[in-house]
Amino acid sequence: MQTVTAVAHRGDPYRFRENTLDSLRSALDLGADAVEIDVRLTRDGVPVLLHDETLERLWAHDRPLLALSAEELRGLTAGAVPTLAEALAATHGARVMVDLCGRVDRRTVEKTLDVVRQCGARDRVYYCANAEAMLAVRAADPSAEIALTWTTLAPPRPALLDAVRPRWLNYRFSLVDRDLTARVHHGGYLLSVWTPDTRRAMRHLLDLGVDSITTNRIDTLHALRNDTLHALRNGG
């Protein structure tokens, strides 16, 4: 069994609020190989870490992010919603999977990629989202590493794969079986899955031979991966 990449979904959200610097740091301390973050733009075009369109669920403010400047956002959340630049600085060279949330337009892609370049992080950042978003990323950066998120069992069209040129195909874990794993690998792609949180589901995916698991329970995945590798080394 190959060593699976352990990706922390929004950091360590069961211990710290998701997509915050504390959450990202905790996930890396617990053994994550990479952290997955959600990126959106403020009204004035600053990429920040937020999954939802509004602040209601996490911050109890029913305000759309697109209606707020970066400074207004900082005031409403006591500075706890980090900018992408702050997140890249806080992850200290670790791999970062940037999920471009919502309706992604050219401005979102260009602002996000500009920050990644300015932070000197191009070699450790990769991008995931739907086909439309990943086509925009590929157009803006021919060398970007892409994980194309796919939500059906029908395979992506060859023309789409040729245009996006993903390294990874990124599936909801419940869709993945041995046939899909074999098909993805036969096509020359790596298989990324999201977001199993039980030990049983993770073990099943490890047995199938997936290449990367994105989870909210990075401590569970890290321990299971270590246990599995130890057993293999000892003939278990």
Foldseek 3Di string as FASTA:
>chain_A
DDQAQEEEEQAQCVVPPGQFLVRNVVLVVLPHQEYEFEWDAALVQFIWTDADQACCPPQNDRDGRNPDDPVRVCVSRVNGTGTPLVNVVSNPLGAYEYEYHDDDDLSNLVSVVVSCVVSVNQVRYAYEDALVNLLSNCVVPVPGAYAHEDEDPPDDDPVSCVSNVHQEHEYALVVDDLVSCVVQVVVVHAYEYDEDEDLVSLVRVVVSPHRYYYYSCSNSNVVSSVVVVVCVVVVD
